[in-house]
């Protein structure tokens, strides 16, 4: 890699054209997943995957994606590496990036990913932090465009916690020019500085009904994210009016979709009936698209040309 590799630490590391190119390439990879020439694109390349937080979809999609493109992936838990014994992030970044071709990190502090990237010789991908989840947004954007076309000029409703997913949706609204209506309990709003940057695109209320009314997409997440388990019961009480169900979806625009990044807690943030209603819910396609979107992202960051 060059001395200045491209990273994906937040969605804003991409411009609009780059984001849409990745989505188009993800669709191509999905449609042509069994083509032999795609299985050699990352031949000999190695992805290092660091996990401070537990994972299902992120680990499987990145590991399977590298394998399907001809590369390999290393699973590294912070508990089983020198990270867990206090090795400085900058030292680890210098050493590890001299041995692998690309890095994915799933951790608590966004600052840790940013520090690693600052000292890395190879691309670094944010696989999730407390602040942002850009890889999930790539899959979500791909899924909406797959079913309904462009997000530009549409309305997205976020119902629930102003968490990393909500904040990445704010970034997406800035890049793709759609309106984002956020509904969350008082005290659980997304970062105020971030919402100020997107004030022409983002509105915040404490009413799920206000947010959902006329929306083309309604999306949510668990009410207590990883690291917030001790707040779970308190949050369930505070978020009791923010469950997404068929009644709430009836306020959305005709043909509106429902998304959830999973895992879902049925009958907490979403009813089981809505989650399984394939006329509205596209959560399973959304989950699969993590694989294809991340494959396209890795090819983009590794500057693999002319594969489609």
C-alpha atoms as a PDB file:
ATOM      1  CA  UNK A   1       0.000   0.000   0.000  1.00  0.00           C
ATOM      2  CA  UNK A   2       0.968   3.638  -0.334  1.00  0.00           C
ATOM      3  CA  UNK A   3       2.199   5.616   2.642  1.00  0.00           C
ATOM      4  CA  UNK A   4      -1.224   7.295   2.842  1.00  0.00           C
ATOM      5  CA  UNK A   5      -3.811   4.509   2.649  1.00  0.00           C
ATOM      6  CA  UNK A   6      -7.533   5.224   2.501  1.00  0.00           C
ATOM      7  CA  UNK A   7      -9.515   4.323   5.614  1.00  0.00           C
ATOM      8  CA  UNK A   8     -13.210   4.001   6.474  1.00  0.00           C
ATOM      9  CA  UNK A   9     -13.485   5.319  10.015  1.00  0.00           C
ATOM     10  CA  UNK A  10     -16.820   7.032   9.405  1.00  0.00           C
ATOM     11  CA  UNK A  11     -19.064   7.231   6.357  1.00  0.00           C
ATOM     12  CA  UNK A  12     -17.747  10.746   5.732  1.00  0.00           C
ATOM     13  CA  UNK A  13     -14.401   9.260   4.685  1.00  0.00           C
ATOM     14  CA  UNK A  14     -16.230   8.720   1.388  1.00  0.00           C
ATOM     15  CA  UNK A  15     -17.742  11.269  -0.937  1.00  0.00           C
ATOM     16  CA  UNK A  16     -21.119  10.708  -2.569  1.00  0.00           C
ATOM     17  CA  UNK A  17     -19.723   9.276  -5.805  1.00  0.00           C
ATOM     18  CA  UNK A  18     -17.418   6.883  -3.958  1.00  0.00           C
ATOM     19  CA  UNK A  19     -20.250   5.699  -1.733  1.00  0.00           C
ATOM     20  CA  UNK A  20     -22.535   5.030  -4.694  1.00  0.00           C
ATOM     21  CA  UNK A  21     -19.702   3.279  -6.551  1.00  0.00           C
ATOM     22  CA  UNK A  22     -19.204   0.926  -3.604  1.00  0.00           C
ATOM     23  CA  UNK A  23     -22.943   0.201  -3.524  1.00  0.00           C
ATOM     24  CA  UNK A  24     -23.024  -0.514  -7.270  1.00  0.00           C
ATOM     25  CA  UNK A  25     -20.025  -2.795  -6.906  1.00  0.00           C
ATOM     26  CA  UNK A  26     -21.704  -4.543  -3.979  1.00  0.00           C
ATOM     27  CA  UNK A  27     -24.717  -5.250  -6.190  1.00  0.00           C
ATOM     28  CA  UNK A  28     -22.407  -6.604  -8.902  1.00  0.00           C
ATOM     29  CA  UNK A  29     -20.613  -8.861  -6.411  1.00  0.00           C
ATOM     30  CA  UNK A  30     -23.941 -10.123  -5.092  1.00  0.00           C
ATOM     31  CA  UNK A  31     -25.297 -10.905  -8.552  1.00  0.00           C
ATOM     32  CA  UNK A  32     -22.060 -12.549  -9.701  1.00  0.00           C
ATOM     33  CA  UNK A  33     -20.940 -14.184  -6.485  1.00  0.00           C
ATOM     34  CA  UNK A  34     -20.149 -17.508  -8.169  1.00  0.00           C
ATOM     35  CA  UNK A  35     -18.002 -16.122 -10.999  1.00  0.00           C
ATOM     36  CA  UNK A  36     -14.547 -17.682 -10.912  1.00  0.00           C
ATOM     37  CA  UNK A  37     -12.597 -14.491 -11.621  1.00  0.00           C
ATOM     38  CA  UNK A  38     -13.966 -12.832  -8.476  1.00  0.00           C
ATOM     39  CA  UNK A  39     -12.433 -15.554  -6.323  1.00  0.00           C
ATOM     40  CA  UNK A  40      -8.905 -14.396  -7.174  1.00  0.00           C
ATOM     41  CA  UNK A  41      -9.264 -10.646  -6.630  1.00  0.00           C
ATOM     42  CA  UNK A  42      -7.624 -10.651  -3.197  1.00  0.00           C
ATOM     43  CA  UNK A  43      -5.441 -13.713  -3.681  1.00  0.00           C
ATOM     44  CA  UNK A  44      -2.694 -13.667  -1.049  1.00  0.00           C
ATOM     45  CA  UNK A  45      -4.157 -10.671   0.809  1.00  0.00           C
ATOM     46  CA  UNK A  46      -4.641 -10.864   4.579  1.00  0.00           C
ATOM     47  CA  UNK A  47      -7.237  -9.073   6.698  1.00  0.00           C
ATOM     48  CA  UNK A  48      -6.561  -8.648  10.426  1.00  0.00           C
ATOM     49  CA  UNK A  49      -9.805  -8.398  12.433  1.00  0.00           C
ATOM     50  CA  UNK A  50      -9.599  -6.925  15.940  1.00  0.00           C
ATOM     51  CA  UNK A  51     -12.549  -7.529  18.243  1.00  0.00           C
ATOM     52  CA  UNK A  52     -12.908  -5.768  21.573  1.00  0.00           C
ATOM     53  CA  UNK A  53     -16.700  -6.175  21.270  1.00  0.00           C
ATOM     54  CA  UNK A  54     -18.440  -9.459  20.534  1.00  0.00           C
ATOM     55  CA  UNK A  55     -19.764 -10.039  17.039  1.00  0.00           C
ATOM     56  CA  UNK A  56     -21.722 -12.362  14.797  1.00  0.00           C
ATOM     57  CA  UNK A  57     -22.534 -10.605  11.515  1.00  0.00           C
ATOM     58  CA  UNK A  58     -19.384  -8.493  11.399  1.00  0.00           C
ATOM     59  CA  UNK A  59     -17.042 -11.421  11.941  1.00  0.00           C
ATOM     60  CA  UNK A  60     -18.822 -13.804   9.591  1.00  0.00           C
ATOM     61  CA  UNK A  61     -19.283 -11.259   6.802  1.00  0.00           C
ATOM     62  CA  UNK A  62     -15.681 -10.034   6.798  1.00  0.00           C
ATOM     63  CA  UNK A  63     -14.172 -13.503   7.167  1.00  0.00           C
ATOM     64  CA  UNK A  64     -16.426 -15.035   4.521  1.00  0.00           C
ATOM     65  CA  UNK A  65     -15.920 -12.023   2.267  1.00  0.00           C
ATOM     66  CA  UNK A  66     -12.143 -12.330   2.314  1.00  0.00           C
ATOM     67  CA  UNK A  67     -12.382 -16.055   1.638  1.00  0.00           C
ATOM     68  CA  UNK A  68     -14.751 -15.543  -1.294  1.00  0.00           C
ATOM     69  CA  UNK A  69     -12.343 -13.016  -2.825  1.00  0.00           C
ATOM     70  CA  UNK A  70      -9.366 -15.349  -2.460  1.00  0.00           C
ATOM     71  CA  UNK A  71      -7.825 -13.793   0.643  1.00  0.00           C
ATOM     72  CA  UNK A  72      -7.694 -14.824   4.284  1.00  0.00           C
ATOM     73  CA  UNK A  73      -8.704 -13.306   7.608  1.00  0.00           C
ATOM     74  CA  UNK A  74      -7.177 -13.414  11.087  1.00  0.00           C
ATOM     75  CA  UNK A  75      -9.445 -13.195  14.132  1.00  0.00           C
ATOM     76  CA  UNK A  76      -7.746 -11.301  16.951  1.00  0.00           C
ATOM     77  CA  UNK A  77      -9.414 -10.733  20.301  1.00  0.00           C
ATOM     78  CA  UNK A  78      -8.036  -7.957  22.462  1.00  0.00           C
ATOM     79  CA  UNK A  79      -8.179 -10.415  25.363  1.00  0.00           C
ATOM     80  CA  UNK A  80      -5.774 -12.771  23.577  1.00  0.00           C
ATOM     81  CA  UNK A  81      -3.278 -10.228  22.221  1.00  0.00           C
ATOM     82  CA  UNK A  82      -0.837  -7.685  23.608  1.00  0.00           C
ATOM     83  CA  UNK A  83      -3.610  -5.073  23.398  1.00  0.00           C
ATOM     84  CA  UNK A  84      -5.028  -6.664  26.507  1.00  0.00           C
ATOM     85  CA  UNK A  85      -1.695  -6.205  28.302  1.00  0.00           C
ATOM     86  CA  UNK A  86      -1.403  -2.527  27.566  1.00  0.00           C
ATOM     87  CA  UNK A  87       0.644  -2.354  24.359  1.00  0.00           C
ATOM     88  CA  UNK A  88       0.273   1.167  22.942  1.00  0.00           C
ATOM     89  CA  UNK A  89      -2.086   1.297  19.974  1.00  0.00           C
ATOM     90  CA  UNK A  90       0.447   3.203  17.889  1.00  0.00           C
ATOM     91  CA  UNK A  91       3.055   0.456  18.379  1.00  0.00           C
ATOM     92  CA  UNK A  92       0.615  -2.298  17.501  1.00  0.00           C
ATOM     93  CA  UNK A  93      -0.509  -0.425  14.392  1.00  0.00           C
ATOM     94  CA  UNK A  94       3.032  -0.040  13.093  1.00  0.00           C
ATOM     95  CA  UNK A  95       3.855  -3.709  13.581  1.00  0.00           C
ATOM     96  CA  UNK A  96       0.615  -5.305  12.473  1.00  0.00           C
ATOM     97  CA  UNK A  97       0.197  -3.125   9.396  1.00  0.00           C
ATOM     98  CA  UNK A  98       3.639  -4.258   8.246  1.00  0.00           C
ATOM     99  CA  UNK A  99       2.382  -7.862   8.186  1.00  0.00           C
ATOM    100  CA  UNK A 100      -1.151  -7.646   6.751  1.00  0.00           C
ATOM    101  CA  UNK A 101      -2.861  -5.846   3.886  1.00  0.00           C
ATOM    102  CA  UNK A 102      -5.952  -4.407   5.572  1.00  0.00           C
ATOM    103  CA  UNK A 103      -7.335  -4.113   9.121  1.00  0.00           C
ATOM    104  CA  UNK A 104     -10.844  -4.125  10.560  1.00  0.00           C
ATOM    105  CA  UNK A 105     -11.457  -3.037  14.162  1.00  0.00           C
ATOM    106  CA  UNK A 106     -14.578  -3.443  16.298  1.00  0.00           C
ATOM    107  CA  UNK A 107     -14.084  -1.613  19.545  1.00  0.00           C
ATOM    108  CA  UNK A 108     -15.596   0.747  22.065  1.00  0.00           C
ATOM    109  CA  UNK A 109     -13.689   3.999  21.591  1.00  0.00           C
ATOM    110  CA  UNK A 110     -13.747   5.692  18.195  1.00  0.00           C
ATOM    111  CA  UNK A 111     -10.476   7.362  19.239  1.00  0.00           C
ATOM    112  CA  UNK A 112      -8.753   3.961  19.397  1.00  0.00           C
ATOM    113  CA  UNK A 113      -9.644   3.209  15.766  1.00  0.00           C
ATOM    114  CA  UNK A 114      -8.534   6.675  14.723  1.00  0.00           C
ATOM    115  CA  UNK A 115      -5.198   6.293  16.528  1.00  0.00           C
ATOM    116  CA  UNK A 116      -4.588   2.896  14.939  1.00  0.00           C
ATOM    117  CA  UNK A 117      -5.359   4.312  11.486  1.00  0.00           C
ATOM    118  CA  UNK A 118      -3.017   7.250  12.054  1.00  0.00           C
ATOM    119  CA  UNK A 119      -0.081   4.857  12.464  1.00  0.00           C
ATOM    120  CA  UNK A 120      -1.161   2.147  10.009  1.00  0.00           C
ATOM    121  CA  UNK A 121       0.521   1.515   6.667  1.00  0.00           C
ATOM    122  CA  UNK A 122      -2.628  -0.198   5.333  1.00  0.00           C
ATOM    123  CA  UNK A 123      -6.350   0.643   5.186  1.00  0.00           C
ATOM    124  CA  UNK A 124      -8.303   0.490   8.441  1.00  0.00           C
ATOM    125  CA  UNK A 125     -12.054  -0.169   8.581  1.00  0.00           C
ATOM    126  CA  UNK A 126     -14.324   0.737  11.470  1.00  0.00           C
ATOM    127  CA  UNK A 127     -16.299  -2.473  12.042  1.00  0.00           C
ATOM    128  CA  UNK A 128     -18.241  -0.701  14.825  1.00  0.00           C
ATOM    129  CA  UNK A 129     -17.432   1.716  17.612  1.00  0.00           C
ATOM    130  CA  UNK A 130     -19.549   3.393  20.254  1.00  0.00           C
ATOM    131  CA  UNK A 131     -19.888   6.400  17.940  1.00  0.00           C
ATOM    132  CA  UNK A 132     -20.326   5.026  14.409  1.00  0.00           C
ATOM    133  CA  UNK A 133     -21.145   1.905  12.379  1.00  0.00           C
ATOM    134  CA  UNK A 134     -20.364   2.840   8.757  1.00  0.00           C
ATOM    135  CA  UNK A 135     -20.237  -0.722   7.393  1.00  0.00           C
ATOM    136  CA  UNK A 136     -23.837  -1.323   8.427  1.00  0.00           C
ATOM    137  CA  UNK A 137     -24.867   1.868   6.649  1.00  0.00           C
ATOM    138  CA  UNK A 138     -23.261   0.653   3.429  1.00  0.00           C
ATOM    139  CA  UNK A 139     -25.426  -2.455   3.643  1.00  0.00           C
ATOM    140  CA  UNK A 140     -28.532  -0.473   4.578  1.00  0.00           C
ATOM    141  CA  UNK A 141     -28.077   1.933   1.671  1.00  0.00           C
ATOM    142  CA  UNK A 142     -27.497  -0.988  -0.681  1.00  0.00           C
ATOM    143  CA  UNK A 143     -30.663  -2.671   0.577  1.00  0.00           C
ATOM    144  CA  UNK A 144     -32.886   0.382   0.203  1.00  0.00           C
ATOM    145  CA  UNK A 145     -31.605   1.044  -3.316  1.00  0.00           C
ATOM    146  CA  UNK A 146     -32.076  -2.627  -4.174  1.00  0.00           C
ATOM    147  CA  UNK A 147     -35.774  -2.469  -3.260  1.00  0.00           C
ATOM    148  CA  UNK A 148     -36.760   1.162  -3.835  1.00  0.00           C
ATOM    149  CA  UNK A 149     -34.071   2.973  -5.817  1.00  0.00           C
ATOM    150  CA  UNK A 150     -32.307   6.147  -4.791  1.00  0.00           C
ATOM    151  CA  UNK A 151     -32.381   7.516  -1.244  1.00  0.00           C
ATOM    152  CA  UNK A 152     -31.999  11.050  -2.529  1.00  0.00           C
ATOM    153  CA  UNK A 153     -35.079  13.106  -1.696  1.00  0.00           C
ATOM    154  CA  UNK A 154     -36.573  10.336   0.471  1.00  0.00           C
ATOM    155  CA  UNK A 155     -37.397  10.428   4.182  1.00  0.00           C
ATOM    156  CA  UNK A 156     -35.860   8.057   6.722  1.00  0.00           C
ATOM    157  CA  UNK A 157     -37.223   7.686  10.256  1.00  0.00           C
ATOM    158  CA  UNK A 158     -34.921   6.573  13.047  1.00  0.00           C
ATOM    159  CA  UNK A 159     -36.810   5.352  16.125  1.00  0.00           C
ATOM    160  CA  UNK A 160     -34.951   4.756  19.396  1.00  0.00           C
ATOM    161  CA  UNK A 161     -31.546   5.502  20.859  1.00  0.00           C
ATOM    162  CA  UNK A 162     -29.313   8.188  19.347  1.00  0.00           C
ATOM    163  CA  UNK A 163     -26.526   5.615  19.143  1.00  0.00           C
ATOM    164  CA  UNK A 164     -23.773   4.708  16.672  1.00  0.00           C
ATOM    165  CA  UNK A 165     -26.292   3.576  14.061  1.00  0.00           C
ATOM    166  CA  UNK A 166     -28.322   6.765  14.400  1.00  0.00           C
ATOM    167  CA  UNK A 167     -25.171   8.864  14.062  1.00  0.00           C
ATOM    168  CA  UNK A 168     -24.077   6.988  10.954  1.00  0.00           C
ATOM    169  CA  UNK A 169     -27.532   7.610   9.475  1.00  0.00           C
ATOM    170  CA  UNK A 170     -26.888  11.310  10.061  1.00  0.00           C
ATOM    171  CA  UNK A 171     -23.687  11.021   8.022  1.00  0.00           C
ATOM    172  CA  UNK A 172     -25.608   9.191   5.300  1.00  0.00           C
ATOM    173  CA  UNK A 173     -28.195  11.978   5.126  1.00  0.00           C
ATOM    174  CA  UNK A 174     -25.402  14.499   4.609  1.00  0.00           C
ATOM    175  CA  UNK A 175     -23.890  12.476   1.763  1.00  0.00           C
ATOM    176  CA  UNK A 176     -27.054  11.332  -0.034  1.00  0.00           C
ATOM    177  CA  UNK A 177     -29.345  14.310   0.498  1.00  0.00           C
ATOM    178  CA  UNK A 178     -32.368  12.779   2.212  1.00  0.00           C
ATOM    179  CA  UNK A 179     -34.366  13.895   5.250  1.00  0.00           C
ATOM    180  CA  UNK A 180     -33.759  12.075   8.522  1.00  0.00           C
ATOM    181  CA  UNK A 181     -36.407  12.261  11.248  1.00  0.00           C
ATOM    182  CA  UNK A 182     -35.133  11.008  14.593  1.00  0.00           C
ATOM    183  CA  UNK A 183     -37.386  10.078  17.514  1.00  0.00           C
ATOM    184  CA  UNK A 184     -35.758   9.291  20.837  1.00  0.00           C
ATOM    185  CA  UNK A 185     -36.539   9.836  24.517  1.00  0.00           C
ATOM    186  CA  UNK A 186     -35.260  13.034  26.080  1.00  0.00           C
ATOM    187  CA  UNK A 187     -31.650  12.595  27.114  1.00  0.00           C
ATOM    188  CA  UNK A 188     -30.898   9.958  24.478  1.00  0.00           C
ATOM    189  CA  UNK A 189     -30.383  12.241  21.484  1.00  0.00           C
ATOM    190  CA  UNK A 190     -27.405  11.803  19.138  1.00  0.00           C
ATOM    191  CA  UNK A 191     -24.324  14.013  19.457  1.00  0.00           C
ATOM    192  CA  UNK A 192     -25.421  17.653  19.349  1.00  0.00           C
ATOM    193  CA  UNK A 193     -22.393  18.814  17.385  1.00  0.00           C
ATOM    194  CA  UNK A 194     -23.134  16.208  14.734  1.00  0.00           C
ATOM    195  CA  UNK A 195     -26.815  17.121  14.467  1.00  0.00           C
ATOM    196  CA  UNK A 196     -25.836  20.778  14.128  1.00  0.00           C
ATOM    197  CA  UNK A 197     -23.683  19.908  11.126  1.00  0.00           C
ATOM    198  CA  UNK A 198     -26.697  18.245   9.513  1.00  0.00           C
ATOM    199  CA  UNK A 199     -29.398  20.641  10.705  1.00  0.00           C
ATOM    200  CA  UNK A 200     -30.722  21.115   7.149  1.00  0.00           C
ATOM    201  CA  UNK A 201     -31.334  17.363   6.922  1.00  0.00           C
ATOM    202  CA  UNK A 202     -32.112  16.191  10.468  1.00  0.00           C
ATOM    203  CA  UNK A 203     -35.051  16.823  12.794  1.00  0.00           C
ATOM    204  CA  UNK A 204     -35.339  15.409  16.316  1.00  0.00           C
ATOM    205  CA  UNK A 205     -38.458  14.823  18.381  1.00  0.00           C
ATOM    206  CA  UNK A 206     -39.661  12.620  21.225  1.00  0.00           C
ATOM    207  CA  UNK A 207     -42.522  11.269  19.094  1.00  0.00           C
ATOM    208  CA  UNK A 208     -42.171   8.047  17.080  1.00  0.00           C
ATOM    209  CA  UNK A 209     -45.433   8.933  15.336  1.00  0.00           C
ATOM    210  CA  UNK A 210     -44.067  12.298  14.179  1.00  0.00           C
ATOM    211  CA  UNK A 211     -40.901  10.659  12.860  1.00  0.00           C
ATOM    212  CA  UNK A 212     -42.656   7.771  11.102  1.00  0.00           C
ATOM    213  CA  UNK A 213     -45.345   9.863   9.413  1.00  0.00           C
ATOM    214  CA  UNK A 214     -44.664   9.878   5.664  1.00  0.00           C
ATOM    215  CA  UNK A 215     -41.298   8.101   5.952  1.00  0.00           C
ATOM    216  CA  UNK A 216     -40.076   5.857   3.139  1.00  0.00           C
ATOM    217  CA  UNK A 217     -37.914   3.856   5.528  1.00  0.00           C
ATOM    218  CA  UNK A 218     -38.335   3.210   9.251  1.00  0.00           C
ATOM    219  CA  UNK A 219     -35.365   1.777  11.104  1.00  0.00           C
ATOM    220  CA  UNK A 220     -34.367   1.044  14.678  1.00  0.00           C
ATOM    221  CA  UNK A 221     -31.878  -0.805  16.884  1.00  0.00           C
ATOM    222  CA  UNK A 222     -31.768  -2.370  20.332  1.00  0.00           C
ATOM    223  CA  UNK A 223     -32.405   0.029  23.192  1.00  0.00           C
ATOM    224  CA  UNK A 224     -29.303  -1.058  25.147  1.00  0.00           C
ATOM    225  CA  UNK A 225     -26.166  -1.458  23.031  1.00  0.00           C
ATOM    226  CA  UNK A 226     -23.058  -3.475  23.908  1.00  0.00           C
ATOM    227  CA  UNK A 227     -21.473  -2.026  27.019  1.00  0.00           C
ATOM    228  CA  UNK A 228     -24.824  -0.746  28.294  1.00  0.00           C
ATOM    229  CA  UNK A 229     -26.109  -4.019  29.712  1.00  0.00           C
ATOM    230  CA  UNK A 230     -26.267  -2.567  33.216  1.00  0.00           C
ATOM    231  CA  UNK A 231     -28.713   0.073  31.916  1.00  0.00           C
ATOM    232  CA  UNK A 232     -30.996  -2.416  30.206  1.00  0.00           C
ATOM    233  CA  UNK A 233     -33.968  -2.409  32.585  1.00  0.00           C
ATOM    234  CA  UNK A 234     -33.893   1.351  32.993  1.00  0.00           C
ATOM    235  CA  UNK A 235     -33.729   1.838  29.235  1.00  0.00           C
ATOM    236  CA  UNK A 236     -36.602  -0.581  28.598  1.00  0.00           C
ATOM    237  CA  UNK A 237     -38.758   1.628  30.791  1.00  0.00           C
ATOM    238  CA  UNK A 238     -37.608   4.874  29.208  1.00  0.00           C
ATOM    239  CA  UNK A 239     -38.034   3.520  25.670  1.00  0.00           C
ATOM    240  CA  UNK A 240     -41.352   1.753  26.282  1.00  0.00           C
ATOM    241  CA  UNK A 241     -43.206   4.028  23.826  1.00  0.00           C
ATOM    242  CA  UNK A 242     -40.656   3.594  21.038  1.00  0.00           C
ATOM    243  CA  UNK A 243     -41.445   0.070  19.854  1.00  0.00           C
ATOM    244  CA  UNK A 244     -41.896  -0.189  16.084  1.00  0.00           C
ATOM    245  CA  UNK A 245     -44.986  -2.179  15.110  1.00  0.00           C
ATOM    246  CA  UNK A 246     -47.536  -2.363  12.302  1.00  0.00           C
ATOM    247  CA  UNK A 247     -49.504   0.532  13.769  1.00  0.00           C
ATOM    248  CA  UNK A 248     -46.467   2.797  13.614  1.00  0.00           C
ATOM    249  CA  UNK A 249     -45.618   1.600  10.099  1.00  0.00           C
ATOM    250  CA  UNK A 250     -49.157   2.450   8.991  1.00  0.00           C
ATOM    251  CA  UNK A 251     -48.206   6.127   9.381  1.00  0.00           C
ATOM    252  CA  UNK A 252     -45.295   5.770   6.965  1.00  0.00           C
ATOM    253  CA  UNK A 253     -45.488   6.358   3.222  1.00  0.00           C
ATOM    254  CA  UNK A 254     -47.003   3.735   0.947  1.00  0.00           C
ATOM    255  CA  UNK A 255     -44.408   1.063   0.237  1.00  0.00           C
ATOM    256  CA  UNK A 256     -42.245   2.035   3.218  1.00  0.00           C
ATOM    257  CA  UNK A 257     -39.623  -0.470   4.327  1.00  0.00           C
ATOM    258  CA  UNK A 258     -38.544  -1.515   7.820  1.00  0.00           C
ATOM    259  CA  UNK A 259     -34.889  -2.180   8.704  1.00  0.00           C
ATOM    260  CA  UNK A 260     -33.010  -3.312  11.787  1.00  0.00           C
ATOM    261  CA  UNK A 261     -29.262  -3.963  11.916  1.00  0.00           C
ATOM    262  CA  UNK A 262     -29.782  -7.038  14.149  1.00  0.00           C
ATOM    263  CA  UNK A 263     -29.627  -8.755  16.531  1.00  0.00           C
ATOM    264  CA  UNK A 264     -33.204  -7.785  17.377  1.00  0.00           C
ATOM    265  CA  UNK A 265     -34.933  -8.151  20.714  1.00  0.00           C
ATOM    266  CA  UNK A 266     -38.417  -9.106  19.619  1.00  0.00           C
ATOM    267  CA  UNK A 267     -41.219  -7.205  21.318  1.00  0.00           C
ATOM    268  CA  UNK A 268     -38.811  -4.651  22.783  1.00  0.00           C
ATOM    269  CA  UNK A 269     -37.753  -2.283  19.983  1.00  0.00           C
ATOM    270  CA  UNK A 270     -39.758  -4.150  17.305  1.00  0.00           C
ATOM    271  CA  UNK A 271     -42.590  -6.643  17.324  1.00  0.00           C
ATOM    272  CA  UNK A 272     -41.872 -10.131  16.086  1.00  0.00           C
ATOM    273  CA  UNK A 273     -44.790  -9.841  13.669  1.00  0.00           C
ATOM    274  CA  UNK A 274     -43.274  -6.815  11.930  1.00  0.00           C
ATOM    275  CA  UNK A 275     -39.778  -8.267  11.873  1.00  0.00           C
ATOM    276  CA  UNK A 276     -41.080 -11.316  10.016  1.00  0.00           C
ATOM    277  CA  UNK A 277     -43.484  -9.456   7.689  1.00  0.00           C
ATOM    278  CA  UNK A 278     -41.687  -9.788   4.360  1.00  0.00           C
ATOM    279  CA  UNK A 279     -44.001  -7.263   2.713  1.00  0.00           C
ATOM    280  CA  UNK A 280     -42.438  -4.547   4.899  1.00  0.00           C
ATOM    281  CA  UNK A 281     -39.350  -5.896   6.634  1.00  0.00           C
ATOM    282  CA  UNK A 282     -36.131  -6.383   4.647  1.00  0.00           C
ATOM    283  CA  UNK A 283     -33.917  -7.245   7.613  1.00  0.00           C
ATOM    284  CA  UNK A 284     -32.670 -10.564   6.198  1.00  0.00           C
ATOM    285  CA  UNK A 285     -31.628  -9.005   2.890  1.00  0.00           C
ATOM    286  CA  UNK A 286     -30.073  -6.173   4.891  1.00  0.00           C
ATOM    287  CA  UNK A 287     -28.056  -8.645   6.962  1.00  0.00           C
ATOM    288  CA  UNK A 288     -26.814 -10.554   3.897  1.00  0.00           C
ATOM    289  CA  UNK A 289     -25.797  -7.322   2.228  1.00  0.00           C
ATOM    290  CA  UNK A 290     -23.175  -6.748   4.910  1.00  0.00           C
ATOM    291  CA  UNK A 291     -21.182  -9.437   3.092  1.00  0.00           C
ATOM    292  CA  UNK A 292     -21.454  -7.862  -0.338  1.00  0.00           C
ATOM    293  CA  UNK A 293     -21.038  -4.240   0.778  1.00  0.00           C
ATOM    294  CA  UNK A 294     -17.918  -5.055   2.782  1.00  0.00           C
ATOM    295  CA  UNK A 295     -16.399  -7.012  -0.079  1.00  0.00           C
ATOM    296  CA  UNK A 296     -16.926  -3.984  -2.295  1.00  0.00           C
ATOM    297  CA  UNK A 297     -15.467  -1.737   0.398  1.00  0.00           C
ATOM    298  CA  UNK A 298     -12.313  -3.817   0.777  1.00  0.00           C
ATOM    299  CA  UNK A 299     -11.789  -3.866  -2.979  1.00  0.00           C
ATOM    300  CA  UNK A 300     -12.213  -0.085  -3.026  1.00  0.00           C
ATOM    301  CA  UNK A 301      -9.751   0.529  -0.197  1.00  0.00           C
ATOM    302  CA  UNK A 302      -7.233  -1.921  -1.665  1.00  0.00           C
ATOM    303  CA  UNK A 303      -7.576  -0.192  -5.034  1.00  0.00           C
ATOM    304  CA  UNK A 304      -8.452  -3.331  -6.988  1.00  0.00           C
ATOM    305  CA  UNK A 305      -9.405  -2.107 -10.493  1.00  0.00           C
ATOM    306  CA  UNK A 306     -11.670  -3.337 -13.244  1.00  0.00           C
ATOM    307  CA  UNK A 307     -13.278  -6.366 -11.612  1.00  0.00           C
ATOM    308  CA  UNK A 308     -16.755  -5.665 -12.970  1.00  0.00           C
END
